[in-house]
Amino acid sequence: MKTQVEKLPKSTIKINVVVEADAVKKAYDRALDNAVKTATIEGFRPGTAPKDMVRKKVGESKLYEDAIDDVLRTYYPQALKENSISPVSNPKVEIKDFDPEKDLEFTATVAIRPEIKIGDYKKALKEKFDEKYNEAKKESGDKEEPHVHMNTNDVLDTLLKVTEMEVSELILEEETDRLLSRFLDQAQKIGLSIEQYLKSQNKTGEQMRQEYEKLAENNIKAEFVLSELIKMEKN
């Protein structure tokens, strides 16, 4: 196996992997052997049908698909390990033409943990507290000491304002899809279609996705910031 790593913008990495022909052929042979074991062909007991008959019944495309899955399961993790890559997203895989007699070349694009720069968050949190304190003081008319409550959103928004990071589009897309899928499942349980929801909110599907993309971005950045703060406080 040969690998080549390319760093892309926004904490994204592309790994190009070339798997030698002999390994590809072995993966194809395993796919065919497994097909022989499970194929049902009239006149033959399971596992005894000729390979040519099984190949014809199952189809080369299915065998190719199984062989490719075999190669990816083996060599994608190896490529990550060899290059000390710890992805935070599922890989986006592209495969060039498959031929069981030739090298197999594929690329896997993944998101990695972004570089995070956190400013003076303690000062920013104090300023946010003082701001809320002054607002509460005005509302009480200076008659009594106000009770100031900073909720989770106040804290996270303040932290994000003093943080610099570029998050990969891959992980943003994954999180957006996850949030949308969860919403659709919840809507379906109460008998609400997506069309009905959009109409009630006077929104388009694109507007809804944009809102969820923003929510996904905030969720991911908040998770990275909090984990970074934990590391900082331990040191």
Protein backbone atom coordinates (compact mmCIF):
# COMPACT_ATOMS: atom_id res chain seq x y z
CA MET A 1 0.00 0.00 0.00
CA LYS A 2 1.16 3.49 -0.86
CA THR A 3 -0.34 6.64 0.63
CA GLN A 4 -0.11 10.33 -0.02
CA VAL A 5 -1.65 12.96 2.25
CA GLU A 6 -2.87 16.36 1.11
CA LYS A 7 -3.88 19.07 3.55
CA LEU A 8 -6.96 20.97 2.41
CA PRO A 9 -8.44 24.20 3.83
CA LYS A 10 -10.62 24.22 6.95
CA SER A 11 -9.15 21.28 8.85
CA THR A 12 -9.72 18.79 6.04
CA ILE A 13 -7.34 16.12 4.79
CA LYS A 14 -7.38 14.03 1.62
CA ILE A 15 -5.60 10.68 1.69
CA ASN A 16 -4.74 9.03 -1.59
CA VAL A 17 -4.24 5.27 -1.26
CA VAL A 18 -2.96 2.76 -3.80
CA VAL A 19 -3.53 -0.92 -2.98
CA GLU A 20 -1.41 -3.42 -4.91
CA ALA A 21 -3.05 -5.70 -7.46
CA ASP A 22 -2.36 -8.93 -5.58
CA ALA A 23 -4.25 -7.66 -2.53
CA VAL A 24 -7.13 -6.52 -4.75
CA LYS A 25 -7.27 -9.95 -6.41
CA LYS A 26 -7.37 -11.66 -3.01
CA ALA A 27 -10.26 -9.42 -1.95
CA TYR A 28 -12.15 -10.29 -5.14
CA ASP A 29 -11.49 -14.00 -4.61
CA ARG A 30 -12.81 -13.76 -1.06
CA ALA A 31 -15.94 -12.04 -2.35
CA LEU A 32 -16.47 -14.82 -4.88
CA ASP A 33 -15.81 -17.54 -2.28
CA ASN A 34 -18.36 -15.96 0.06
CA ALA A 35 -20.87 -15.80 -2.79
CA VAL A 36 -20.35 -19.50 -3.50
CA LYS A 37 -21.07 -20.31 0.15
CA THR A 38 -24.37 -18.42 0.19
CA ALA A 39 -25.67 -18.69 -3.40
CA THR A 40 -28.65 -20.91 -4.06
CA ILE A 41 -28.41 -22.64 -7.43
CA GLU A 42 -30.73 -25.44 -8.47
CA GLY A 43 -29.02 -28.82 -8.57
CA PHE A 44 -26.20 -27.88 -6.19
CA ARG A 45 -25.86 -27.97 -2.44
CA PRO A 46 -24.86 -24.65 -0.79
CA GLY A 47 -21.15 -24.08 -1.31
CA THR A 48 -20.73 -26.59 -4.14
CA ALA A 49 -21.87 -24.63 -7.21
CA PRO A 50 -19.16 -23.83 -9.82
CA LYS A 51 -17.69 -20.36 -9.45
CA ASP A 52 -18.57 -19.39 -13.02
CA MET A 53 -22.23 -20.16 -12.41
CA VAL A 54 -22.21 -18.22 -9.14
CA ARG A 55 -20.43 -15.29 -10.78
CA LYS A 56 -23.09 -15.18 -13.50
CA LYS A 57 -25.97 -15.37 -11.04
CA VAL A 58 -24.60 -12.87 -8.52
CA GLY A 59 -23.20 -10.47 -11.11
CA GLU A 60 -19.76 -8.94 -11.40
CA SER A 61 -21.00 -5.57 -10.08
CA LYS A 62 -22.01 -7.15 -6.75
CA LEU A 63 -18.73 -9.01 -6.50
CA TYR A 64 -16.81 -5.83 -7.27
CA GLU A 65 -18.80 -3.98 -4.62
CA ASP A 66 -18.02 -6.63 -1.98
CA ALA A 67 -14.34 -6.70 -2.96
CA ILE A 68 -14.09 -2.91 -2.72
CA ASP A 69 -15.75 -2.95 0.72
CA ASP A 70 -13.19 -5.57 1.79
CA VAL A 71 -10.28 -3.43 0.56
CA LEU A 72 -11.62 -0.28 2.24
CA ARG A 73 -12.22 -2.01 5.58
CA THR A 74 -8.63 -3.21 5.57
CA TYR A 75 -6.60 -0.39 4.03
CA TYR A 76 -8.45 2.77 5.06
CA PRO A 77 -7.72 2.21 8.80
CA GLN A 78 -4.14 1.28 7.92
CA ALA A 79 -3.70 4.51 5.97
CA LEU A 80 -4.96 6.51 8.94
CA LYS A 81 -2.62 4.72 11.33
CA GLU A 82 0.45 5.03 9.10
CA ASN A 83 -0.08 8.77 8.74
CA SER A 84 -1.18 9.42 12.35
CA ILE A 85 -4.53 10.83 11.26
CA SER A 86 -7.44 10.93 13.72
CA PRO A 87 -10.56 11.91 11.76
CA VAL A 88 -13.61 13.51 13.40
CA SER A 89 -15.92 12.67 10.50
CA ASN A 90 -16.81 9.74 8.31
CA PRO A 91 -14.67 9.56 5.15
CA LYS A 92 -15.90 10.74 1.79
CA VAL A 93 -14.49 8.04 -0.46
CA GLU A 94 -13.88 8.20 -4.20
CA ILE A 95 -12.73 5.11 -6.12
CA LYS A 96 -11.23 5.01 -9.57
CA ASP A 97 -12.05 2.20 -12.00
CA PHE A 98 -12.01 -1.21 -10.35
CA ASP A 99 -10.24 -4.13 -11.97
CA PRO A 100 -9.47 -7.21 -9.84
CA GLU A 101 -6.24 -7.69 -11.81
CA LYS A 102 -4.90 -4.17 -11.24
CA ASP A 103 -3.94 -1.79 -8.44
CA LEU A 104 -6.88 -0.10 -6.76
CA GLU A 105 -6.59 3.62 -6.13
CA PHE A 106 -8.97 5.48 -3.85
CA THR A 107 -9.11 8.78 -2.00
CA ALA A 108 -10.65 9.37 1.41
CA THR A 109 -11.41 12.94 2.47
CA VAL A 110 -11.91 13.45 6.20
CA ALA A 111 -12.33 16.23 8.74
CA ILE A 112 -9.76 16.53 11.51
CA ARG A 113 -9.80 18.45 14.76
CA PRO A 114 -9.28 22.14 13.96
CA GLU A 115 -6.57 24.31 15.41
CA ILE A 116 -8.23 26.26 18.22
CA LYS A 117 -7.15 29.65 19.54
CA ILE A 118 -9.06 30.84 22.60
CA GLY A 119 -8.65 34.44 23.74
CA ASP A 120 -9.10 35.82 27.25
CA TYR A 121 -12.32 33.95 27.94
CA LYS A 122 -12.33 34.73 31.66
CA LYS A 123 -12.33 38.46 30.91
CA ALA A 124 -15.04 37.97 28.27
CA LEU A 125 -17.22 36.01 30.70
CA LYS A 126 -16.80 38.68 33.38
CA GLU A 127 -17.77 41.39 30.90
CA LYS A 128 -20.85 39.39 29.91
CA PHE A 129 -21.77 38.95 33.56
CA ASP A 130 -21.30 42.67 34.25
CA GLU A 131 -23.49 43.48 31.22
CA LYS A 132 -26.31 41.29 32.49
CA TYR A 133 -25.82 42.62 36.00
CA ASN A 134 -26.19 46.23 34.83
CA GLU A 135 -29.30 45.34 32.81
CA ALA A 136 -30.84 43.64 35.83
CA LYS A 137 -29.89 46.57 38.04
CA LYS A 138 -31.74 48.98 35.76
CA GLU A 139 -34.82 46.78 35.69
CA SER A 140 -34.92 46.59 39.49
CA GLY A 141 -34.58 50.35 39.73
CA ASP A 142 -31.59 50.07 42.00
CA LYS A 143 -33.93 49.11 44.83
CA GLU A 144 -32.39 45.74 45.52
CA GLU A 145 -29.42 43.64 44.57
CA PRO A 146 -30.41 41.84 41.34
CA HIS A 147 -30.03 38.14 40.78
CA VAL A 148 -27.98 37.52 37.66
CA HIS A 149 -28.36 34.26 35.79
CA MET A 150 -26.10 33.35 32.89
CA ASN A 151 -27.54 30.40 30.99
CA THR A 152 -25.63 27.89 28.90
CA ASN A 153 -26.17 29.84 25.68
CA ASP A 154 -24.77 33.01 27.28
CA VAL A 155 -21.61 31.17 28.27
CA LEU A 156 -21.13 29.35 24.97
CA ASP A 157 -21.83 32.42 22.83
CA THR A 158 -19.28 34.39 24.86
CA LEU A 159 -16.66 31.66 24.49
CA LEU A 160 -17.20 31.41 20.74
CA LYS A 161 -16.77 35.16 20.31
CA VAL A 162 -13.21 34.99 21.64
CA THR A 163 -12.32 31.77 19.80
CA GLU A 164 -10.77 31.30 16.38
CA MET A 165 -11.19 28.01 14.50
CA GLU A 166 -12.05 26.74 11.04
CA VAL A 167 -14.30 23.70 11.02
CA SER A 168 -14.37 21.30 8.06
CA GLU A 169 -17.40 21.39 5.79
CA LEU A 170 -17.53 17.59 6.06
CA ILE A 171 -18.33 17.53 9.76
CA LEU A 172 -20.71 20.47 9.37
CA GLU A 173 -22.63 18.56 6.71
CA GLU A 174 -22.74 15.44 8.89
CA GLU A 175 -24.06 17.33 11.92
CA THR A 176 -26.60 19.24 9.84
CA ASP A 177 -27.92 16.00 8.36
CA ARG A 178 -28.10 14.46 11.84
CA LEU A 179 -30.08 17.37 13.26
CA LEU A 180 -32.46 17.45 10.29
CA SER A 181 -32.97 13.70 10.47
CA ARG A 182 -33.82 13.94 14.17
CA PHE A 183 -36.30 16.74 13.49
CA LEU A 184 -37.96 14.80 10.67
CA ASP A 185 -38.28 11.73 12.90
CA GLN A 186 -39.91 13.82 15.63
CA ALA A 187 -42.24 15.50 13.16
CA GLN A 188 -43.23 12.15 11.67
CA LYS A 189 -44.12 10.79 15.12
CA ILE A 190 -46.70 13.56 15.58
CA GLY A 191 -48.00 13.24 12.03
CA LEU A 192 -46.47 16.47 10.75
CA SER A 193 -45.05 16.46 7.22
CA ILE A 194 -42.09 18.62 6.26
CA GLU A 195 -44.33 20.46 3.78
CA GLN A 196 -46.81 21.32 6.54
CA TYR A 197 -44.04 22.53 8.82
CA LEU A 198 -42.45 24.74 6.17
CA LYS A 199 -45.82 26.22 5.28
CA SER A 200 -46.65 26.96 8.93
CA GLN A 201 -43.27 28.67 9.38
CA ASN A 202 -43.40 30.40 5.99
CA LYS A 203 -39.99 29.00 5.11
CA THR A 204 -38.41 27.19 2.20
CA GLY A 205 -36.46 23.96 2.51
CA GLU A 206 -33.26 25.87 1.77
CA GLN A 207 -33.96 28.39 4.55
CA MET A 208 -34.59 25.57 6.98
CA ARG A 209 -31.33 23.84 6.07
CA GLN A 210 -29.41 27.10 6.48
CA GLU A 211 -30.83 27.48 9.99
CA TYR A 212 -29.81 23.95 10.86
CA GLU A 213 -26.35 24.50 9.36
CA LYS A 214 -25.87 27.43 11.73
CA LEU A 215 -27.08 25.35 14.66
CA ALA A 216 -24.75 22.51 13.62
CA GLU A 217 -21.81 24.91 13.41
CA ASN A 218 -22.49 26.27 16.90
CA ASN A 219 -22.84 22.76 18.33
CA ILE A 220 -19.56 21.56 16.83
CA LYS A 221 -17.60 24.67 17.77
CA ALA A 222 -18.98 24.57 21.31
CA GLU A 223 -17.90 20.95 21.68
CA PHE A 224 -14.38 21.72 20.45
CA VAL A 225 -14.08 24.82 22.65
CA LEU A 226 -15.17 23.02 25.80
CA SER A 227 -12.80 20.11 25.19
CA GLU A 228 -9.97 22.58 24.55
CA LEU A 229 -10.72 24.46 27.80
CA ILE A 230 -10.61 21.18 29.72
CA LYS A 231 -7.16 20.49 28.25
CA MET A 232 -6.02 24.03 29.07
CA GLU A 233 -7.17 23.81 32.68
CA LYS A 234 -5.42 20.45 33.17
CA ASN A 235 -2.08 21.84 32.03
